[in-house]
Amino acid sequence: MATYKEIKGTQIEAVASDPSNPVEGQVWYNTTSNVLKGFKILAAGSWATGGNMNTARSQLAGAGNSSDSALGFGGYVPSSPTTGATESYNGTNWTEVNDLNVAGDNMGGAGSATAALAFGGGPGTKDKTETWNGTNWTEVNDLNTAREIMGTAGYNTNTAVLGFGGYNPSPGNQAVTELWNGTNWTEVNDMNTARQALAGSGITTAALAFGGRVDPPISALTESWNGTNWTEVSDLGTARYFITGSQTSSTSALAFGGVISSPSNATANTELWNGSSWAEQNNLSTARSRAGASGTSSSAGMFGGYTGTAPFSAATEEWSGTTPTTVTFTDS
């Protein structure tokens, strides 16, 4: 029979208290309670249907700290073609609130439903930044590098946000990373691989970037940010771009939807990041890309987007995540 070290590559760790952020499959010996413990997932997560947005659209941005507290803003609609429309979600209904000052699509979004940040985007690459206070949008200082379809991290705040990657017609795919401190954007260290239409998760000192397009191929690359540098880690199981993700952390993230080949070929694939690898989860009800998102790896929302067959969606899906728990090993 294989030993734990042969399977995991390490000995079982002896610790005085349980780890604060264990990963699935981790085992340790608690020397205080003299108990062998481990961490596992008890139940699979799933997607459920939520309330429809008032304005069907794709290429929108989102913010919010759960599946039932979200903000959707901007996007592409056939009649405009871009919109500054902003809607707030309470878990049941979407309500129209005050518009962005500058209509746009493919923006970065971060923060909560009452304190959000919108930045970059199109049409034509923009460097604009706007902050939301729960009632109104206010223009603030611009990005240093104008771009669209970038990855973002900034869970539950609009004063500490990271924007990375993206696209600018000249020179194309970007590796640029910028840090927002509530007043100004500052350039920090670049990603290892320039790419566009990626997703992100986390906070300004611990973020994750995943998926995207590295011309010409579609990417499964994942990079982890420690507050100073980006490091390549394990790839997604399914390569895709125009992907959507939760905003939780660099050790717990959810990746869903996206494009796996041609722009009309959307996927419903959902994957969960545990800090070291991605694992397949239950799929979205409807495959789509270019959507807005809110929430965490245990309570996420996906809204709007592009399905390919019915191009502009108003649908919302709500993710109820897996149930992680610490278990105690006994002789019985």
Protein backbone atom coordinates (compact mmCIF):
# COMPACT_ATOMS: atom_id res chain seq x y z
CA MET A 1 0.00 0.00 0.00
CA ALA A 2 1.33 3.45 -0.91
CA THR A 3 2.24 5.78 1.93
CA TYR A 4 0.97 9.35 2.31
CA LYS A 5 4.43 10.65 1.42
CA GLU A 6 4.53 8.55 -1.76
CA ILE A 7 1.11 9.91 -2.81
CA LYS A 8 1.53 13.57 -1.80
CA GLY A 9 5.31 13.96 -1.87
CA THR A 10 5.51 15.19 1.75
CA GLN A 11 5.30 13.79 5.26
CA ILE A 12 2.19 14.36 7.38
CA GLU A 13 2.82 17.71 9.10
CA ALA A 14 2.64 18.02 12.89
CA VAL A 15 1.09 21.35 13.96
CA ALA A 16 -0.10 22.89 17.22
CA SER A 17 -3.34 24.17 15.64
CA ASP A 18 -5.37 23.33 12.52
CA PRO A 19 -4.29 25.17 9.32
CA SER A 20 -6.34 28.29 8.62
CA ASN A 21 -6.59 27.65 4.86
CA PRO A 22 -6.15 23.93 4.12
CA VAL A 23 -6.52 22.46 0.62
CA GLU A 24 -8.51 19.39 -0.36
CA GLY A 25 -6.65 16.18 0.51
CA GLN A 26 -4.35 17.83 3.07
CA VAL A 27 -3.65 15.75 6.22
CA TRP A 28 -2.01 16.92 9.46
CA TYR A 29 -1.48 15.82 13.06
CA ASN A 30 -2.73 18.27 15.71
CA THR A 31 -0.26 17.98 18.60
CA THR A 32 -2.53 19.95 20.96
CA SER A 33 -5.52 17.62 20.65
CA ASN A 34 -3.38 14.58 19.65
CA VAL A 35 -5.66 13.93 16.68
CA LEU A 36 -4.94 13.11 13.04
CA LYS A 37 -7.06 15.35 10.79
CA GLY A 38 -7.70 16.01 7.12
CA PHE A 39 -9.62 18.32 4.81
CA LYS A 40 -12.14 17.20 2.20
CA ILE A 41 -15.14 18.34 0.18
CA LEU A 42 -18.44 16.92 1.44
CA ALA A 43 -20.86 17.94 -1.34
CA ALA A 44 -20.65 19.04 -4.97
CA GLY A 45 -21.64 22.57 -5.94
CA SER A 46 -24.29 23.37 -8.53
CA TRP A 47 -25.83 26.18 -10.58
CA ALA A 48 -29.46 27.35 -10.22
CA THR A 49 -31.55 29.82 -12.24
CA GLY A 50 -31.82 33.40 -10.89
CA GLY A 51 -33.77 36.46 -12.02
CA ASN A 52 -33.24 37.94 -15.50
CA MET A 53 -31.52 41.29 -16.03
CA ASN A 54 -33.64 44.13 -17.44
CA THR A 55 -31.22 44.66 -20.35
CA ALA A 56 -29.85 41.64 -22.21
CA ARG A 57 -26.20 42.22 -23.13
CA SER A 58 -22.77 40.71 -23.52
CA GLN A 59 -19.27 41.96 -22.72
CA LEU A 60 -20.45 43.52 -19.45
CA ALA A 61 -18.58 43.83 -16.15
CA GLY A 62 -19.66 42.79 -12.68
CA ALA A 63 -18.99 43.27 -8.99
CA GLY A 64 -20.43 41.87 -5.78
CA ASN A 65 -19.55 39.61 -2.87
CA SER A 66 -22.08 36.80 -3.37
CA SER A 67 -24.63 35.28 -5.76
CA ASP A 68 -27.42 37.43 -4.29
CA SER A 69 -25.57 40.74 -4.02
CA ALA A 70 -24.31 41.89 -7.42
CA LEU A 71 -23.83 44.85 -9.72
CA GLY A 72 -23.79 44.53 -13.52
CA PHE A 73 -22.65 47.46 -15.66
CA GLY A 74 -21.77 48.43 -19.20
CA GLY A 75 -21.74 45.96 -22.06
CA TYR A 76 -22.68 45.49 -25.69
CA VAL A 77 -26.29 45.78 -26.90
CA PRO A 78 -27.36 45.75 -30.57
CA SER A 79 -29.21 49.07 -30.42
CA SER A 80 -26.43 51.30 -28.98
CA PRO A 81 -24.14 49.30 -29.51
CA THR A 82 -22.57 49.96 -26.09
CA THR A 83 -24.36 50.89 -22.90
CA GLY A 84 -23.65 52.54 -19.57
CA ALA A 85 -26.67 50.85 -17.98
CA THR A 86 -26.10 49.63 -14.41
CA GLU A 87 -28.28 47.13 -12.57
CA SER A 88 -28.28 45.94 -8.96
CA TYR A 89 -29.26 42.37 -7.94
CA ASN A 90 -30.69 41.30 -4.57
CA GLY A 91 -30.91 37.56 -5.20
CA THR A 92 -34.37 37.78 -6.76
CA ASN A 93 -34.67 40.84 -8.98
CA TRP A 94 -32.46 43.20 -10.96
CA THR A 95 -33.13 46.94 -10.50
CA GLU A 96 -31.95 49.66 -12.84
CA VAL A 97 -29.81 52.26 -11.07
CA ASN A 98 -27.70 55.19 -12.29
CA ASP A 99 -25.68 54.72 -15.48
CA LEU A 100 -21.92 54.89 -15.93
CA ASN A 101 -20.72 58.31 -17.05
CA VAL A 102 -18.98 56.76 -20.07
CA ALA A 103 -20.75 53.87 -21.84
CA GLY A 104 -18.48 50.98 -22.71
CA ASP A 105 -17.97 47.25 -23.03
CA ASN A 106 -15.20 44.78 -22.15
CA MET A 107 -14.38 46.75 -18.98
CA GLY A 108 -12.71 45.50 -15.83
CA GLY A 109 -14.94 45.29 -12.77
CA ALA A 110 -14.19 44.76 -9.08
CA GLY A 111 -15.56 45.44 -5.62
CA SER A 112 -18.98 45.01 -4.06
CA ALA A 113 -22.54 45.92 -5.06
CA THR A 114 -22.24 49.16 -3.05
CA ALA A 115 -18.55 49.96 -3.65
CA ALA A 116 -17.46 48.98 -7.17
CA LEU A 117 -14.79 49.99 -9.68
CA ALA A 118 -15.12 50.06 -13.49
CA PHE A 119 -12.00 50.59 -15.61
CA GLY A 120 -10.66 50.30 -19.13
CA GLY A 121 -12.75 48.79 -21.93
CA GLY A 122 -14.02 49.79 -25.36
CA PRO A 123 -15.21 50.60 -27.96
CA GLY A 124 -11.82 51.79 -28.89
CA THR A 125 -9.54 51.08 -25.97
CA LYS A 126 -10.19 53.32 -22.97
CA ASP A 127 -8.17 54.23 -19.91
CA LYS A 128 -11.13 55.61 -17.93
CA THR A 129 -11.86 54.63 -14.32
CA GLU A 130 -15.13 55.15 -12.46
CA THR A 131 -16.01 54.41 -8.85
CA TRP A 132 -19.47 53.45 -7.56
CA ASN A 133 -20.67 54.49 -4.09
CA GLY A 134 -23.97 52.63 -4.07
CA THR A 135 -25.82 55.47 -5.80
CA ASN A 136 -23.65 57.18 -8.41
CA TRP A 137 -20.63 56.63 -10.62
CA THR A 138 -17.79 59.19 -10.39
CA GLU A 139 -14.89 59.53 -12.82
CA VAL A 140 -11.51 59.24 -11.10
CA ASN A 141 -7.89 58.90 -12.26
CA ASP A 142 -7.16 56.97 -15.45
CA LEU A 143 -5.25 53.74 -15.99
CA ASN A 144 -1.64 54.23 -17.11
CA THR A 145 -2.11 51.78 -20.01
CA ALA A 146 -5.38 51.93 -21.96
CA ARG A 147 -6.79 48.44 -22.65
CA GLU A 148 -9.81 46.18 -22.62
CA ILE A 149 -10.74 42.55 -21.75
CA MET A 150 -8.28 42.37 -18.85
CA GLY A 151 -8.26 40.24 -15.70
CA THR A 152 -9.16 41.80 -12.35
CA ALA A 153 -8.81 41.14 -8.63
CA GLY A 154 -10.36 43.21 -5.86
CA TYR A 155 -12.81 41.24 -3.79
CA ASN A 156 -15.34 43.36 -1.86
CA THR A 157 -13.54 46.71 -2.26
CA ASN A 158 -13.10 49.53 -4.77
CA THR A 159 -10.03 51.02 -3.08
CA ALA A 160 -7.60 48.10 -3.57
CA VAL A 161 -7.85 46.59 -7.05
CA LEU A 162 -5.50 44.84 -9.48
CA GLY A 163 -5.91 44.99 -13.28
CA PHE A 164 -3.73 42.73 -15.45
CA GLY A 165 -3.29 41.61 -19.03
CA GLY A 166 -5.77 42.73 -21.66
CA TYR A 167 -5.64 44.06 -25.19
CA ASN A 168 -4.59 47.30 -26.85
CA PRO A 169 -4.51 47.52 -30.69
CA SER A 170 -0.90 48.64 -30.45
CA PRO A 171 1.05 46.56 -29.44
CA GLY A 172 -1.68 43.91 -28.93
CA ASN A 173 -1.85 41.48 -26.01
CA GLN A 174 -0.72 42.96 -22.70
CA ALA A 175 1.20 41.62 -19.71
CA VAL A 176 0.93 44.95 -17.84
CA THR A 177 -0.26 44.83 -14.22
CA GLU A 178 -1.56 47.94 -12.44
CA LEU A 179 -2.49 48.48 -8.80
CA TRP A 180 -5.29 50.86 -7.73
CA ASN A 181 -5.00 52.30 -4.21
CA GLY A 182 -8.26 54.25 -4.15
CA THR A 183 -6.70 57.31 -5.78
CA ASN A 184 -4.14 56.34 -8.43
CA TRP A 185 -3.04 53.45 -10.62
CA THR A 186 0.60 52.30 -10.27
CA GLU A 187 2.38 49.93 -12.64
CA VAL A 188 3.82 46.89 -10.89
CA ASN A 189 5.50 43.74 -12.22
CA ASP A 190 4.17 42.26 -15.46
CA MET A 191 2.57 38.86 -15.94
CA ASN A 192 4.81 36.15 -17.37
CA THR A 193 2.58 35.70 -20.43
CA ALA A 194 0.80 38.55 -22.23
CA ARG A 195 -2.83 37.68 -22.97
CA GLN A 196 -6.34 39.04 -23.40
CA ALA A 197 -9.88 37.95 -22.44
CA LEU A 198 -8.70 36.29 -19.22
CA ALA A 199 -10.28 36.17 -15.77
CA GLY A 200 -9.00 36.85 -12.29
CA SER A 201 -9.67 36.26 -8.62
CA GLY A 202 -8.42 37.47 -5.27
CA ILE A 203 -7.04 40.61 -3.69
CA THR A 204 -4.13 42.93 -4.46
CA THR A 205 -1.65 40.87 -2.40
CA ALA A 206 -2.89 37.41 -3.39
CA ALA A 207 -4.46 37.09 -6.84
CA LEU A 208 -4.97 34.51 -9.57
CA ALA A 209 -5.06 34.99 -13.37
CA PHE A 210 -6.44 32.21 -15.58
CA GLY A 211 -7.39 31.43 -19.15
CA GLY A 212 -7.37 33.98 -21.97
CA ARG A 213 -6.05 34.23 -25.49
CA VAL A 214 -2.36 34.15 -26.32
CA ASP A 215 -2.46 34.84 -30.06
CA PRO A 216 -3.18 32.64 -31.79
CA PRO A 217 -3.91 29.80 -29.33
CA ILE A 218 -6.50 29.70 -26.58
CA SER A 219 -4.86 29.48 -23.16
CA ALA A 220 -5.26 27.34 -20.03
CA LEU A 221 -2.42 29.18 -18.27
CA THR A 222 -2.81 30.08 -14.60
CA GLU A 223 -0.57 32.55 -12.77
CA SER A 224 -0.49 33.38 -9.07
CA TRP A 225 0.33 36.88 -7.71
CA ASN A 226 1.92 37.27 -4.26
CA GLY A 227 1.80 41.06 -4.08
CA THR A 228 5.11 41.45 -5.93
CA ASN A 229 5.52 38.85 -8.68
CA TRP A 230 3.55 36.48 -10.89
CA THR A 231 4.35 32.74 -10.84
CA GLU A 232 3.02 30.12 -13.26
CA VAL A 233 1.03 27.38 -11.51
CA SER A 234 -1.20 24.50 -12.69
CA ASP A 235 -3.23 25.02 -15.87
CA LEU A 236 -7.00 24.98 -16.21
CA GLY A 237 -8.44 21.66 -17.31
CA THR A 238 -10.18 23.36 -20.26
CA ALA A 239 -8.39 26.11 -22.20
CA ARG A 240 -10.67 29.07 -22.99
CA TYR A 241 -10.95 32.82 -23.40
CA PHE A 242 -13.70 35.35 -22.62
CA ILE A 243 -13.84 33.34 -19.40
CA THR A 244 -15.55 34.49 -16.19
CA GLY A 245 -14.35 34.00 -12.61
CA SER A 246 -15.14 34.63 -8.96
CA GLN A 247 -13.22 37.19 -6.92
CA THR A 248 -12.42 35.20 -3.76
CA SER A 249 -8.67 34.66 -3.37
CA SER A 250 -5.56 33.14 -4.92
CA THR A 251 -6.24 29.84 -3.11
CA SER A 252 -9.99 29.50 -3.74
CA ALA A 253 -11.41 30.48 -7.12
CA LEU A 254 -14.14 29.48 -9.53
CA ALA A 255 -13.75 29.60 -13.34
CA PHE A 256 -16.83 29.27 -15.54
CA GLY A 257 -18.02 29.71 -19.11
CA GLY A 258 -15.89 31.08 -21.92
CA VAL A 259 -15.02 30.31 -25.54
CA ILE A 260 -13.24 27.09 -26.44
CA SER A 261 -12.76 27.55 -30.21
CA SER A 262 -14.70 29.93 -32.47
CA PRO A 263 -16.52 32.93 -30.91
CA SER A 264 -19.85 31.12 -31.24
CA ASN A 265 -18.58 27.99 -29.46
CA ALA A 266 -19.24 28.79 -25.79
CA THR A 267 -18.72 26.33 -22.95
CA ALA A 268 -20.66 25.62 -19.75
CA ASN A 269 -17.55 24.18 -18.09
CA THR A 270 -16.97 25.09 -14.43
CA GLU A 271 -13.73 24.48 -12.51
CA LEU A 272 -12.73 25.02 -8.88
CA TRP A 273 -9.20 26.05 -7.78
CA ASN A 274 -8.05 24.74 -4.38
CA GLY A 275 -4.72 26.53 -4.15
CA SER A 276 -2.73 24.02 -6.15
CA SER A 277 -4.91 22.58 -8.95
CA TRP A 278 -8.19 22.90 -10.85
CA ALA A 279 -11.01 20.34 -10.50
CA GLU A 280 -14.05 19.90 -12.75
CA GLN A 281 -17.40 20.88 -11.21
CA ASN A 282 -21.05 20.77 -12.29
CA ASN A 283 -21.59 22.79 -15.46
CA LEU A 284 -23.61 25.95 -16.05
CA SER A 285 -27.17 25.34 -17.27
CA THR A 286 -26.43 27.36 -20.42
CA ALA A 287 -23.06 27.63 -22.13
CA ARG A 288 -22.01 31.27 -22.59
CA SER A 289 -19.12 33.69 -22.60
CA ARG A 290 -18.48 37.45 -22.15
CA ALA A 291 -20.64 37.56 -19.00
CA GLY A 292 -20.56 39.54 -15.77
CA ALA A 293 -19.90 37.88 -12.42
CA SER A 294 -20.10 38.37 -8.68
CA GLY A 295 -19.24 36.46 -5.56
CA THR A 296 -16.90 33.76 -4.32
CA SER A 297 -16.01 30.16 -5.04
CA SER A 298 -18.85 29.10 -2.70
CA SER A 299 -21.48 31.69 -3.69
CA ALA A 300 -21.10 33.12 -7.21
CA GLY A 301 -23.32 34.71 -9.82
CA MET A 302 -23.05 34.80 -13.62
CA PHE A 303 -25.23 37.23 -15.59
CA GLY A 304 -25.68 38.37 -19.17
CA GLY A 305 -23.25 37.16 -21.79
CA TYR A 306 -23.17 35.65 -25.27
CA THR A 307 -24.54 32.18 -26.02
CA GLY A 308 -23.79 31.95 -29.74
CA THR A 309 -27.25 30.66 -30.67
CA ALA A 310 -29.24 33.37 -28.86
CA PRO A 311 -26.50 35.96 -28.82
CA PHE A 312 -27.43 38.40 -26.04
CA SER A 313 -28.46 36.94 -22.71
CA ALA A 314 -30.31 38.47 -19.76
CA ALA A 315 -30.09 35.23 -17.74
CA THR A 316 -28.61 34.91 -14.26
CA GLU A 317 -27.25 31.70 -12.76
CA GLU A 318 -26.34 31.33 -9.10
CA TRP A 319 -23.62 28.98 -7.83
CA SER A 320 -23.90 27.27 -4.46
CA GLY A 321 -20.48 25.86 -3.83
CA THR A 322 -18.99 22.77 -2.34
CA THR A 323 -18.99 22.22 1.42
CA PRO A 324 -15.40 22.05 2.72
CA THR A 325 -14.85 20.55 6.15
CA THR A 326 -12.12 19.33 8.48
CA VAL A 327 -12.53 15.66 9.39
CA THR A 328 -11.00 13.66 12.24
CA PHE A 329 -9.51 10.21 11.53
CA THR A 330 -10.27 7.44 14.01
CA ASP A 331 -9.43 3.74 14.31
CA SER A 332 -13.06 2.70 13.83
